């Protein structure tokens, strides 16, 4: 989830406490409005929502079923490790994450929930979210612990993304931009020649398709 965090909306980030007079003249407090001095959220961003708002993108070439790169990017980020995978068994490397509860002040920090045996629980509203920080990465397999590999440490390699119906090659393009390996299948050779090859080459080299067609090569191309 830390790979696909979204920017916070202002309403998610800031809460302000307002005092008001309640029953019997008591002064009560409740959360309202925004206050930039009090941030109650993960500074790295909010969790990815269940519904994604993604604008369609035009595609000038002759292909009838393209989709925007923004649709593929979160799927690849959330399903493959940014660090990579074990070159021997393919197990993905995992994030080492430090998590801390983000709390906000509540007048009644503790409430009597069930009133059984004098039990008192912390009020859930005091926890406004969780702040996470990526500390590093760790292998999820034991390949490096095998006796024959003690002196031959296995560094991770890029994760592999498979697209069984490549079409115009959008999935491979995004995989290349994110530093992943890719593999795809396409039954129509025209799609490969007229779409996939050029678009993936542009993603890998950084040379625009128009310039590549005119003979411009990548700066460090061999």
Protein backbone atom coordinates (compact mmCIF):
# COMPACT_ATOMS: atom_id res chain seq x y z
CA UNK A 1 0.00 0.00 0.00
CA UNK A 2 2.90 2.39 0.62
CA UNK A 3 3.81 2.18 -3.08
CA UNK A 4 0.49 3.64 -4.20
CA UNK A 5 -0.38 6.32 -1.64
CA UNK A 6 -2.39 9.30 -2.91
CA UNK A 7 -2.15 12.97 -2.08
CA UNK A 8 -4.45 14.02 0.77
CA UNK A 9 -7.47 16.19 0.24
CA UNK A 10 -7.46 19.21 2.58
CA UNK A 11 -10.43 17.80 4.47
CA UNK A 12 -8.41 14.68 5.26
CA UNK A 13 -5.34 16.56 6.44
CA UNK A 14 -6.58 19.27 8.76
CA UNK A 15 -9.05 19.34 11.65
CA UNK A 16 -9.73 22.18 14.07
CA UNK A 17 -11.26 21.95 17.52
CA UNK A 18 -14.10 24.36 18.22
CA UNK A 19 -15.55 25.09 21.64
CA UNK A 20 -19.31 25.40 22.04
CA UNK A 21 -21.76 25.55 24.90
CA UNK A 22 -23.84 22.41 25.42
CA UNK A 23 -26.53 21.28 27.84
CA UNK A 24 -26.35 22.71 31.35
CA UNK A 25 -23.77 25.29 30.29
CA UNK A 26 -20.95 22.79 29.84
CA UNK A 27 -18.19 23.67 27.39
CA UNK A 28 -17.85 20.94 24.78
CA UNK A 29 -15.34 20.47 21.98
CA UNK A 30 -15.80 18.95 18.58
CA UNK A 31 -13.78 18.72 15.37
CA UNK A 32 -14.63 21.21 12.63
CA UNK A 33 -13.12 23.14 9.73
CA UNK A 34 -9.39 23.16 8.85
CA UNK A 35 -6.34 24.13 10.80
CA UNK A 36 -2.91 23.94 9.10
CA UNK A 37 -1.21 23.66 12.50
CA UNK A 38 -2.79 20.28 13.22
CA UNK A 39 -2.20 17.49 10.70
CA UNK A 40 -3.97 14.23 11.48
CA UNK A 41 -2.86 11.88 8.73
CA UNK A 42 0.00 9.92 7.23
CA UNK A 43 2.41 12.53 5.77
CA UNK A 44 3.26 10.06 3.00
CA UNK A 45 -0.32 10.18 1.68
CA UNK A 46 -3.62 8.40 2.12
CA UNK A 47 -4.41 4.80 1.20
CA UNK A 48 -5.46 4.07 -2.37
CA UNK A 49 -9.27 4.24 -2.63
CA UNK A 50 -11.55 1.46 -3.86
CA UNK A 51 -12.76 3.66 -6.73
CA UNK A 52 -10.14 5.19 -9.01
CA UNK A 53 -10.85 8.32 -11.03
CA UNK A 54 -8.77 8.03 -14.19
CA UNK A 55 -9.26 10.29 -17.20
CA UNK A 56 -9.24 8.63 -20.64
CA UNK A 57 -6.35 9.46 -22.94
CA UNK A 58 -6.49 9.76 -26.71
CA UNK A 59 -4.40 7.48 -28.91
CA UNK A 60 -3.72 8.75 -32.43
CA UNK A 61 -2.53 5.46 -33.89
CA UNK A 62 -4.80 2.77 -35.34
CA UNK A 63 -5.83 0.68 -32.36
CA UNK A 64 -9.39 0.41 -31.11
CA UNK A 65 -8.93 -0.73 -27.49
CA UNK A 66 -6.22 1.27 -25.74
CA UNK A 67 -6.25 2.29 -22.06
CA UNK A 68 -4.33 5.06 -20.27
CA UNK A 69 -1.04 4.43 -18.51
CA UNK A 70 -2.59 5.70 -15.27
CA UNK A 71 -4.78 2.59 -15.19
CA UNK A 72 -1.79 0.24 -15.31
CA UNK A 73 0.63 2.08 -13.02
CA UNK A 74 -1.08 1.41 -9.64
CA UNK A 75 -1.70 -2.22 -10.60
CA UNK A 76 2.00 -2.82 -11.26
CA UNK A 77 3.14 -0.85 -8.21
CA UNK A 78 0.81 -2.66 -5.81
CA UNK A 79 1.49 -6.17 -7.16
CA UNK A 80 5.26 -6.09 -7.75
CA UNK A 81 8.13 -5.09 -5.48
CA UNK A 82 9.91 -1.84 -6.23
CA UNK A 83 13.11 -3.44 -4.93
CA UNK A 84 12.80 -6.53 -7.12
CA UNK A 85 12.72 -10.30 -6.72
CA UNK A 86 15.11 -13.11 -5.86
CA UNK A 87 16.91 -14.18 -9.07
CA UNK A 88 16.78 -17.83 -8.02
CA UNK A 89 13.21 -18.44 -6.83
CA UNK A 90 11.39 -15.26 -7.89
CA UNK A 91 10.18 -14.31 -4.39
CA UNK A 92 9.58 -10.58 -4.07
CA UNK A 93 11.49 -8.40 -1.65
CA UNK A 94 9.29 -6.77 1.00
CA UNK A 95 9.32 -3.30 2.53
CA UNK A 96 10.51 -2.82 6.09
CA UNK A 97 7.95 -0.32 7.38
CA UNK A 98 7.86 1.64 10.62
CA UNK A 99 4.27 2.42 11.65
CA UNK A 100 3.13 4.92 14.25
CA UNK A 101 -0.41 5.86 15.28
CA UNK A 102 -1.36 9.47 14.58
CA UNK A 103 -3.49 10.69 17.50
CA UNK A 104 -5.66 13.73 18.00
CA UNK A 105 -6.88 15.23 21.24
CA UNK A 106 -10.35 14.33 22.45
CA UNK A 107 -11.99 15.75 25.57
CA UNK A 108 -13.19 12.29 26.62
CA UNK A 109 -10.13 10.30 25.70
CA UNK A 110 -11.50 7.24 27.48
CA UNK A 111 -15.08 6.07 27.44
CA UNK A 112 -17.03 3.35 29.21
CA UNK A 113 -17.81 0.98 26.35
CA UNK A 114 -19.55 -2.01 27.88
CA UNK A 115 -19.95 -1.14 31.55
CA UNK A 116 -19.14 -4.70 32.55
CA UNK A 117 -16.82 -5.18 35.48
CA UNK A 118 -15.77 -1.55 35.30
CA UNK A 119 -14.10 -2.11 31.92
CA UNK A 120 -12.93 1.08 30.19
CA UNK A 121 -11.54 1.17 26.64
CA UNK A 122 -9.68 3.88 24.75
CA UNK A 123 -11.90 5.93 22.50
CA UNK A 124 -11.27 4.94 18.87
CA UNK A 125 -11.62 8.52 17.71
CA UNK A 126 -8.34 9.45 19.35
CA UNK A 127 -6.49 7.54 16.60
CA UNK A 128 -6.73 9.59 13.41
CA UNK A 129 -4.58 7.35 11.24
CA UNK A 130 -1.23 5.64 10.90
CA UNK A 131 2.02 7.23 9.76
CA UNK A 132 4.35 4.87 7.87
CA UNK A 133 7.98 5.21 6.87
CA UNK A 134 9.89 2.82 4.62
CA UNK A 135 13.14 1.92 6.39
CA UNK A 136 14.47 -0.51 3.80
CA UNK A 137 13.85 -3.87 2.13
CA UNK A 138 14.24 -7.54 3.02
CA UNK A 139 14.18 -10.83 1.15
CA UNK A 140 11.14 -13.07 1.72
CA UNK A 141 12.95 -16.30 0.82
CA UNK A 142 15.84 -18.29 2.29
CA UNK A 143 17.94 -18.57 -0.86
CA UNK A 144 20.74 -16.46 0.62
CA UNK A 145 20.83 -18.63 3.75
CA UNK A 146 21.65 -21.86 1.93
CA UNK A 147 25.15 -23.11 2.69
CA UNK A 148 26.20 -23.16 -0.97
CA UNK A 149 25.27 -19.50 -1.37
CA UNK A 150 26.79 -17.99 1.78
CA UNK A 151 29.67 -16.49 -0.18
CA UNK A 152 27.55 -15.63 -3.19
CA UNK A 153 24.96 -13.07 -2.06
CA UNK A 154 21.97 -12.88 -4.39
CA UNK A 155 20.98 -9.33 -5.26
CA UNK A 156 17.37 -8.79 -6.37
CA UNK A 157 16.49 -8.42 -10.05
CA UNK A 158 13.51 -6.49 -11.47
CA UNK A 159 10.09 -8.09 -11.10
CA UNK A 160 8.48 -9.52 -14.23
CA UNK A 161 5.13 -8.24 -15.54
CA UNK A 162 3.14 -10.42 -17.96
CA UNK A 163 0.60 -9.05 -20.45
CA UNK A 164 -1.04 -11.93 -22.37
CA UNK A 165 -2.80 -9.54 -24.77
CA UNK A 166 -0.34 -6.72 -25.46
CA UNK A 167 -2.33 -4.76 -28.03
CA UNK A 168 -0.60 -1.38 -28.27
CA UNK A 169 1.92 -2.27 -25.54
CA UNK A 170 0.77 0.09 -22.78
CA UNK A 171 1.44 -2.41 -19.97
CA UNK A 172 4.98 -3.06 -21.19
CA UNK A 173 5.57 0.69 -21.53
CA UNK A 174 4.56 1.36 -17.93
CA UNK A 175 6.55 -1.65 -16.69
CA UNK A 176 9.67 -0.31 -18.41
CA UNK A 177 9.16 3.18 -16.96
CA UNK A 178 8.81 1.67 -13.45
CA UNK A 179 11.99 -0.40 -13.81
CA UNK A 180 10.26 -3.77 -14.15
CA UNK A 181 10.91 -6.48 -16.70
CA UNK A 182 8.05 -7.38 -19.00
CA UNK A 183 6.85 -10.21 -21.19
CA UNK A 184 3.89 -10.18 -23.53
CA UNK A 185 1.94 -12.05 -26.17
CA UNK A 186 0.21 -10.59 -29.21
CA UNK A 187 -1.36 -12.55 -32.07
CA UNK A 188 -1.45 -9.61 -34.47
CA UNK A 189 2.05 -8.93 -35.92
CA UNK A 190 0.96 -5.48 -37.10
CA UNK A 191 0.37 -4.38 -33.50
CA UNK A 192 3.92 -5.43 -32.61
CA UNK A 193 5.50 -3.66 -35.57
CA UNK A 194 3.37 -0.50 -35.54
CA UNK A 195 2.75 0.00 -31.82
CA UNK A 196 4.59 -2.18 -29.31
CA UNK A 197 8.16 -1.99 -30.65
CA UNK A 198 8.22 1.79 -31.02
CA UNK A 199 6.40 2.60 -27.79
CA UNK A 200 8.51 0.28 -25.63
CA UNK A 201 11.71 1.56 -27.26
CA UNK A 202 10.63 5.11 -26.41
CA UNK A 203 9.99 4.13 -22.78
CA UNK A 204 13.37 2.39 -22.45
CA UNK A 205 15.54 4.92 -24.29
CA UNK A 206 13.75 8.20 -23.64
CA UNK A 207 13.94 9.04 -27.35
CA UNK A 208 10.52 10.15 -28.70
CA UNK A 209 9.06 7.98 -31.44
CA UNK A 210 9.19 10.80 -33.99
CA UNK A 211 12.91 11.33 -33.36
CA UNK A 212 13.63 7.60 -33.45
CA UNK A 213 11.91 7.37 -36.84
CA UNK A 214 14.22 10.09 -38.13
CA UNK A 215 17.28 8.15 -37.04
CA UNK A 216 17.98 9.57 -33.56
CA UNK A 217 19.35 6.90 -31.22
CA UNK A 218 19.60 6.75 -27.44
CA UNK A 219 22.54 8.61 -25.89
CA UNK A 220 24.17 5.45 -24.46
CA UNK A 221 22.82 2.96 -26.98
CA UNK A 222 25.21 0.18 -28.02
